[in-house]
């Protein structure tokens, strides 16, 4: 069984600074936790309505392999978080949901970072 713990203040601060620059509405709430046993470096989970009522109206739980993230260079840490946030979308009807990122999301990341950095991240780590 997975063991989750609260993420470090350093990781939470980094996540929140990148999230604040995104186009995700402020009403979308995130809980940042760690599971150093998970193989992927980052995973995002959308809670259903019944779970939200039990967990302080949190919309998304972001689970990091904190050891993996914090050993990366700063640029790759930011890329991991942005890659994760790319799966949170707002529909025309103003619903917030979780989807698989599309080509446009990766094009934005390539333009912001570089194809080499993305390849390095996806080649070495499971996102």
N, C-alpha and C. Protein backbone atom coordinates (compact mmCIF):
# COMPACT_ATOMS: atom_id res chain seq x y z
N UNK A 1 0.84 -1.18 0.00
CA UNK A 1 0.00 0.00 0.00
C UNK A 1 0.88 1.24 0.00
N UNK A 2 0.50 2.22 -0.79
CA UNK A 2 1.27 3.45 -0.92
C UNK A 2 1.21 4.26 0.38
N UNK A 3 2.33 4.87 0.70
CA UNK A 3 2.40 5.74 1.87
C UNK A 3 2.59 7.16 1.36
N UNK A 4 1.62 8.03 1.66
CA UNK A 4 1.68 9.42 1.24
C UNK A 4 2.06 10.28 2.43
N UNK A 5 2.87 11.29 2.17
CA UNK A 5 3.18 12.25 3.22
C UNK A 5 3.16 13.64 2.60
N UNK A 6 3.08 14.62 3.45
CA UNK A 6 3.06 16.00 2.98
C UNK A 6 4.37 16.31 2.29
N UNK A 7 4.29 17.03 1.18
CA UNK A 7 5.49 17.41 0.44
C UNK A 7 6.27 18.47 1.24
N UNK A 8 7.53 18.59 0.93
CA UNK A 8 8.36 19.58 1.61
C UNK A 8 7.90 20.99 1.24
N UNK A 9 8.20 21.94 2.11
CA UNK A 9 7.83 23.33 1.84
C UNK A 9 8.47 23.82 0.55
N UNK A 10 9.68 23.37 0.28
CA UNK A 10 10.39 23.77 -0.94
C UNK A 10 9.62 23.34 -2.19
N UNK A 11 9.14 22.11 -2.21
CA UNK A 11 8.41 21.59 -3.36
C UNK A 11 7.04 22.26 -3.49
N UNK A 12 6.36 22.47 -2.38
CA UNK A 12 5.06 23.14 -2.40
C UNK A 12 5.21 24.56 -2.92
N UNK A 13 6.23 25.26 -2.45
CA UNK A 13 6.46 26.64 -2.90
C UNK A 13 6.74 26.68 -4.40
N UNK A 14 7.56 25.76 -4.89
CA UNK A 14 7.86 25.70 -6.32
C UNK A 14 6.60 25.41 -7.12
N UNK A 15 5.81 24.43 -6.68
CA UNK A 15 4.57 24.09 -7.38
C UNK A 15 3.64 25.30 -7.42
N UNK A 16 3.43 25.96 -6.30
CA UNK A 16 2.50 27.07 -6.24
C UNK A 16 2.97 28.26 -7.07
N UNK A 17 4.28 28.47 -7.15
CA UNK A 17 4.77 29.59 -7.97
C UNK A 17 4.53 29.31 -9.45
N UNK A 18 4.69 28.08 -9.88
CA UNK A 18 4.45 27.73 -11.28
C UNK A 18 2.95 27.70 -11.56
N UNK A 19 2.17 27.18 -10.63
CA UNK A 19 0.72 27.14 -10.78
C UNK A 19 0.14 28.55 -10.89
N UNK A 20 0.69 29.50 -10.15
CA UNK A 20 0.17 30.87 -10.18
C UNK A 20 0.37 31.54 -11.54
N UNK A 21 1.33 31.04 -12.32
CA UNK A 21 1.58 31.59 -13.65
C UNK A 21 0.76 30.89 -14.73
N UNK A 22 0.04 29.84 -14.34
CA UNK A 22 -0.75 29.08 -15.31
C UNK A 22 -2.11 29.75 -15.51
N UNK A 23 -2.86 29.25 -16.46
CA UNK A 23 -4.20 29.79 -16.70
C UNK A 23 -5.28 29.00 -15.96
N UNK A 24 -4.89 28.19 -15.00
CA UNK A 24 -5.85 27.43 -14.20
C UNK A 24 -6.50 28.39 -13.20
N UNK A 25 -7.83 28.41 -13.14
CA UNK A 25 -8.51 29.34 -12.23
C UNK A 25 -8.11 29.11 -10.78
N UNK A 26 -8.12 30.17 -10.01
CA UNK A 26 -7.74 30.08 -8.60
C UNK A 26 -8.69 29.20 -7.79
N UNK A 27 -9.91 29.03 -8.28
CA UNK A 27 -10.87 28.19 -7.54
C UNK A 27 -10.50 26.71 -7.58
N UNK A 28 -9.61 26.32 -8.50
CA UNK A 28 -9.13 24.93 -8.53
C UNK A 28 -8.11 24.76 -7.41
N UNK A 29 -8.35 23.80 -6.54
CA UNK A 29 -7.48 23.61 -5.39
C UNK A 29 -6.64 22.34 -5.54
N UNK A 30 -5.43 22.40 -5.02
CA UNK A 30 -4.47 21.31 -5.14
C UNK A 30 -3.93 20.95 -3.77
N UNK A 31 -3.72 19.66 -3.57
CA UNK A 31 -3.00 19.15 -2.39
C UNK A 31 -1.74 18.50 -2.93
N UNK A 32 -0.59 18.88 -2.39
CA UNK A 32 0.69 18.39 -2.86
C UNK A 32 1.22 17.38 -1.84
N UNK A 33 1.38 16.13 -2.29
CA UNK A 33 1.88 15.07 -1.41
C UNK A 33 3.03 14.33 -2.09
N UNK A 34 3.68 13.49 -1.32
CA UNK A 34 4.80 12.71 -1.84
C UNK A 34 4.60 11.23 -1.55
N UNK A 35 5.11 10.45 -2.47
CA UNK A 35 5.18 9.00 -2.31
C UNK A 35 6.50 8.59 -2.97
N UNK A 36 7.53 8.43 -2.17
CA UNK A 36 8.86 8.13 -2.71
C UNK A 36 8.97 6.73 -3.27
N UNK A 37 7.92 5.92 -3.12
CA UNK A 37 7.92 4.56 -3.66
C UNK A 37 7.41 4.51 -5.10
N UNK A 38 6.65 5.53 -5.53
CA UNK A 38 6.07 5.48 -6.87
C UNK A 38 7.16 5.63 -7.93
N UNK A 39 6.94 4.96 -9.05
CA UNK A 39 7.93 4.94 -10.12
C UNK A 39 7.90 6.20 -10.95
N UNK A 40 6.71 6.77 -11.16
CA UNK A 40 6.64 8.00 -11.94
C UNK A 40 7.06 9.17 -11.05
N UNK A 41 7.60 10.18 -11.68
CA UNK A 41 8.11 11.32 -10.91
C UNK A 41 6.99 12.25 -10.47
N UNK A 42 5.87 12.23 -11.21
CA UNK A 42 4.73 13.07 -10.86
C UNK A 42 3.45 12.45 -11.40
N UNK A 43 2.40 12.53 -10.60
CA UNK A 43 1.09 12.00 -11.00
C UNK A 43 0.04 12.95 -10.44
N UNK A 44 -0.98 13.23 -11.23
CA UNK A 44 -2.06 14.09 -10.76
C UNK A 44 -3.37 13.31 -10.78
N UNK A 45 -4.17 13.50 -9.73
CA UNK A 45 -5.41 12.76 -9.56
C UNK A 45 -6.53 13.77 -9.31
N UNK A 46 -7.62 13.65 -10.05
CA UNK A 46 -8.80 14.49 -9.81
C UNK A 46 -9.72 13.74 -8.86
N UNK A 47 -10.12 14.42 -7.80
CA UNK A 47 -11.01 13.81 -6.82
C UNK A 47 -12.46 13.94 -7.28
N UNK A 48 -13.25 12.92 -7.01
CA UNK A 48 -14.67 13.01 -7.35
C UNK A 48 -15.39 13.80 -6.24
N UNK A 49 -16.65 14.11 -6.45
CA UNK A 49 -17.39 14.96 -5.52
C UNK A 49 -17.46 14.40 -4.11
N UNK A 50 -17.63 13.10 -3.98
CA UNK A 50 -17.72 12.53 -2.63
C UNK A 50 -16.37 12.60 -1.92
N UNK A 51 -15.28 12.40 -2.64
CA UNK A 51 -13.96 12.53 -2.02
C UNK A 51 -13.68 13.98 -1.63
N UNK A 52 -14.11 14.91 -2.47
CA UNK A 52 -13.89 16.33 -2.18
C UNK A 52 -14.51 16.75 -0.86
N UNK A 53 -15.70 16.21 -0.56
CA UNK A 53 -16.36 16.60 0.69
C UNK A 53 -15.61 16.05 1.90
N UNK A 54 -14.92 14.95 1.72
CA UNK A 54 -14.16 14.35 2.82
C UNK A 54 -12.79 15.02 3.01
N UNK A 55 -12.28 15.63 1.95
CA UNK A 55 -10.92 16.16 2.00
C UNK A 55 -10.91 17.66 1.73
N UNK A 56 -11.62 18.41 2.50
CA UNK A 56 -11.57 19.88 2.48
C UNK A 56 -11.73 20.51 1.10
N UNK A 57 -12.63 19.96 0.29
CA UNK A 57 -12.93 20.54 -1.02
C UNK A 57 -11.71 20.65 -1.95
N UNK A 58 -10.78 19.73 -1.84
CA UNK A 58 -9.61 19.69 -2.72
C UNK A 58 -10.05 19.10 -4.06
N UNK A 59 -9.66 19.76 -5.17
CA UNK A 59 -10.02 19.28 -6.51
C UNK A 59 -9.02 18.25 -7.03
N UNK A 60 -7.73 18.50 -6.81
CA UNK A 60 -6.69 17.65 -7.37
C UNK A 60 -5.64 17.32 -6.31
N UNK A 61 -5.16 16.09 -6.36
CA UNK A 61 -4.03 15.70 -5.53
C UNK A 61 -2.87 15.46 -6.49
N UNK A 62 -1.76 16.12 -6.22
CA UNK A 62 -0.56 15.95 -7.04
C UNK A 62 0.44 15.16 -6.20
N UNK A 63 0.82 13.99 -6.73
CA UNK A 63 1.72 13.10 -6.01
C UNK A 63 3.07 13.12 -6.69
N UNK A 64 4.09 13.53 -5.95
CA UNK A 64 5.45 13.58 -6.47
C UNK A 64 6.29 12.48 -5.85
N UNK A 65 7.25 12.00 -6.60
CA UNK A 65 8.35 11.25 -6.02
C UNK A 65 9.36 12.34 -5.68
N UNK A 66 9.30 12.81 -4.45
CA UNK A 66 10.05 14.01 -4.06
C UNK A 66 11.56 13.84 -4.23
N UNK A 67 12.07 12.67 -3.91
CA UNK A 67 13.52 12.45 -4.09
C UNK A 67 13.89 12.64 -5.56
N UNK A 68 13.05 12.10 -6.44
CA UNK A 68 13.31 12.23 -7.87
C UNK A 68 13.25 13.66 -8.35
N UNK A 69 12.24 14.39 -7.91
CA UNK A 69 12.07 15.78 -8.37
C UNK A 69 13.20 16.66 -7.86
N UNK A 70 13.50 16.56 -6.59
CA UNK A 70 14.49 17.47 -6.00
C UNK A 70 15.92 17.19 -6.44
N UNK A 71 16.17 16.03 -7.03
CA UNK A 71 17.52 15.78 -7.53
C UNK A 71 17.71 16.34 -8.94
N UNK A 72 16.62 16.76 -9.58
CA UNK A 72 16.69 17.34 -10.92
C UNK A 72 17.20 18.77 -10.88
N UNK A 73 17.81 19.24 -11.95
CA UNK A 73 18.14 20.67 -12.04
C UNK A 73 16.86 21.50 -11.99
N UNK A 74 16.96 22.76 -11.58
CA UNK A 74 15.78 23.61 -11.41
C UNK A 74 14.92 23.68 -12.67
N UNK A 75 15.54 23.77 -13.82
CA UNK A 75 14.80 23.88 -15.08
C UNK A 75 13.93 22.64 -15.30
N UNK A 76 14.46 21.47 -14.99
CA UNK A 76 13.69 20.24 -15.16
C UNK A 76 12.61 20.10 -14.09
N UNK A 77 12.87 20.61 -12.90
CA UNK A 77 11.83 20.60 -11.85
C UNK A 77 10.62 21.39 -12.33
N UNK A 78 10.87 22.57 -12.90
CA UNK A 78 9.78 23.40 -13.41
C UNK A 78 9.06 22.69 -14.55
N UNK A 79 9.82 22.03 -15.41
CA UNK A 79 9.23 21.31 -16.54
C UNK A 79 8.32 20.18 -16.06
N UNK A 80 8.72 19.45 -15.02
CA UNK A 80 7.90 18.37 -14.47
C UNK A 80 6.55 18.94 -14.00
N UNK A 81 6.60 20.05 -13.28
CA UNK A 81 5.37 20.64 -12.74
C UNK A 81 4.48 21.17 -13.87
N UNK A 82 5.07 21.86 -14.83
CA UNK A 82 4.27 22.37 -15.94
C UNK A 82 3.67 21.23 -16.76
N UNK A 83 4.43 20.18 -16.95
CA UNK A 83 3.93 19.01 -17.67
C UNK A 83 2.72 18.43 -16.93
N UNK A 84 2.81 18.37 -15.64
CA UNK A 84 1.71 17.86 -14.81
C UNK A 84 0.49 18.78 -14.92
N UNK A 85 0.69 20.08 -14.83
CA UNK A 85 -0.41 21.02 -14.88
C UNK A 85 -1.07 21.10 -16.25
N UNK A 86 -0.38 20.66 -17.29
CA UNK A 86 -0.96 20.68 -18.63
C UNK A 86 -2.18 19.77 -18.75
N UNK A 87 -2.34 18.85 -17.84
CA UNK A 87 -3.49 17.95 -17.93
C UNK A 87 -4.73 18.51 -17.24
N UNK A 88 -4.60 19.66 -16.60
CA UNK A 88 -5.76 20.32 -15.98
C UNK A 88 -6.29 21.35 -16.99
N UNK A 89 -7.54 21.18 -17.39
CA UNK A 89 -8.13 22.07 -18.39
C UNK A 89 -9.47 22.63 -17.91
N UNK A 90 -9.82 23.76 -18.49
CA UNK A 90 -11.11 24.40 -18.21
C UNK A 90 -11.91 24.36 -19.49
N UNK A 91 -13.11 23.80 -19.43
CA UNK A 91 -13.95 23.67 -20.62
C UNK A 91 -14.69 24.97 -20.92
N UNK A 92 -15.38 24.99 -22.05
CA UNK A 92 -16.20 26.15 -22.42
C UNK A 92 -17.27 26.44 -21.38
N UNK A 93 -17.75 25.40 -20.72
CA UNK A 93 -18.79 25.57 -19.70
C UNK A 93 -18.20 25.84 -18.31
N UNK A 94 -16.91 26.15 -18.28
CA UNK A 94 -16.20 26.52 -17.04
C UNK A 94 -16.00 25.36 -16.07
N UNK A 95 -16.05 24.13 -16.57
CA UNK A 95 -15.78 22.95 -15.75
C UNK A 95 -14.28 22.68 -15.77
N UNK A 96 -13.73 22.34 -14.62
CA UNK A 96 -12.31 22.02 -14.53
C UNK A 96 -12.19 20.50 -14.53
N UNK A 97 -11.35 19.98 -15.42
CA UNK A 97 -11.22 18.53 -15.51
C UNK A 97 -9.77 18.14 -15.78
N UNK A 98 -9.57 16.85 -15.79
CA UNK A 98 -8.25 16.28 -16.01
C UNK A 98 -8.29 15.52 -17.33
N UNK A 99 -7.37 15.84 -18.24
CA UNK A 99 -7.31 15.18 -19.55
C UNK A 99 -5.87 14.81 -19.86
N UNK A 100 -5.70 13.97 -20.86
CA UNK A 100 -4.35 13.72 -21.36
C UNK A 100 -3.91 14.94 -22.14
N UNK A 101 -2.70 15.45 -21.88
CA UNK A 101 -2.24 16.63 -22.61
C UNK A 101 -2.23 16.37 -24.12
N UNK A 102 -2.56 17.40 -24.89
CA UNK A 102 -2.58 17.26 -26.34
C UNK A 102 -1.32 17.86 -26.96
N UNK A 103 -1.25 17.83 -28.25
CA UNK A 103 -0.08 18.31 -28.98
C UNK A 103 0.24 19.77 -28.65
N UNK A 104 -0.80 20.60 -28.53
CA UNK A 104 -0.59 22.02 -28.24
C UNK A 104 0.12 22.23 -26.90
N UNK A 105 -0.22 21.40 -25.92
CA UNK A 105 0.42 21.52 -24.61
C UNK A 105 1.91 21.23 -24.72
N UNK A 106 2.28 20.20 -25.48
CA UNK A 106 3.69 19.88 -25.63
C UNK A 106 4.42 20.89 -26.49
N UNK A 107 3.72 21.47 -27.48
CA UNK A 107 4.32 22.52 -28.29
C UNK A 107 4.69 23.72 -27.42
N UNK A 108 3.80 24.06 -26.50
CA UNK A 108 4.07 25.16 -25.57
C UNK A 108 5.31 24.87 -24.73
N UNK A 109 5.41 23.64 -24.23
CA UNK A 109 6.58 23.28 -23.42
C UNK A 109 7.87 23.32 -24.25
N UNK A 110 7.80 22.85 -25.48
CA UNK A 110 8.99 22.87 -26.34
C UNK A 110 9.42 24.30 -26.61
N UNK A 111 8.45 25.18 -26.84
CA UNK A 111 8.78 26.58 -27.08
C UNK A 111 9.35 27.25 -25.84
N UNK A 112 8.86 26.87 -24.67
CA UNK A 112 9.32 27.49 -23.44
C UNK A 112 10.66 26.93 -22.98
N UNK A 113 10.85 25.64 -23.13
CA UNK A 113 12.09 25.01 -22.69
C UNK A 113 12.88 24.64 -23.94
N UNK A 114 13.10 23.40 -24.16
CA UNK A 114 13.74 22.95 -25.40
C UNK A 114 13.40 21.48 -25.58
N UNK A 115 13.49 21.05 -26.80
CA UNK A 115 13.19 19.66 -27.08
C UNK A 115 14.18 18.75 -26.37
N UNK A 116 15.43 19.18 -26.27
CA UNK A 116 16.45 18.38 -25.58
C UNK A 116 16.12 18.18 -24.11
N UNK A 117 15.64 19.23 -23.44
CA UNK A 117 15.28 19.10 -22.02
C UNK A 117 14.10 18.15 -21.84
N UNK A 118 13.11 18.25 -22.72
CA UNK A 118 11.95 17.37 -22.63
C UNK A 118 12.36 15.93 -22.88
N UNK A 119 13.20 15.73 -23.87
CA UNK A 119 13.68 14.38 -24.15
C UNK A 119 14.48 13.84 -22.97
N UNK A 120 15.32 14.70 -22.39
CA UNK A 120 16.12 14.28 -21.22
C UNK A 120 15.20 13.85 -20.09
N UNK A 121 14.16 14.61 -19.84
CA UNK A 121 13.25 14.30 -18.75
C UNK A 121 12.46 13.02 -19.04
N UNK A 122 11.89 12.91 -20.22
CA UNK A 122 11.10 11.72 -20.55
C UNK A 122 11.96 10.51 -20.79
N UNK A 123 13.19 10.73 -21.19
CA UNK A 123 14.09 9.59 -21.43
C UNK A 123 14.59 8.97 -20.15
N UNK A 124 14.78 9.79 -19.10
CA UNK A 124 15.35 9.29 -17.85
C UNK A 124 14.29 8.95 -16.81
N UNK A 125 13.15 9.63 -16.86
CA UNK A 125 12.15 9.50 -15.81
C UNK A 125 10.80 9.21 -16.42
N UNK A 126 9.96 8.57 -15.66
CA UNK A 126 8.56 8.37 -16.08
C UNK A 126 7.76 9.50 -15.51
N UNK A 127 7.09 10.24 -16.37
CA UNK A 127 6.25 11.34 -15.88
C UNK A 127 4.82 10.88 -15.90
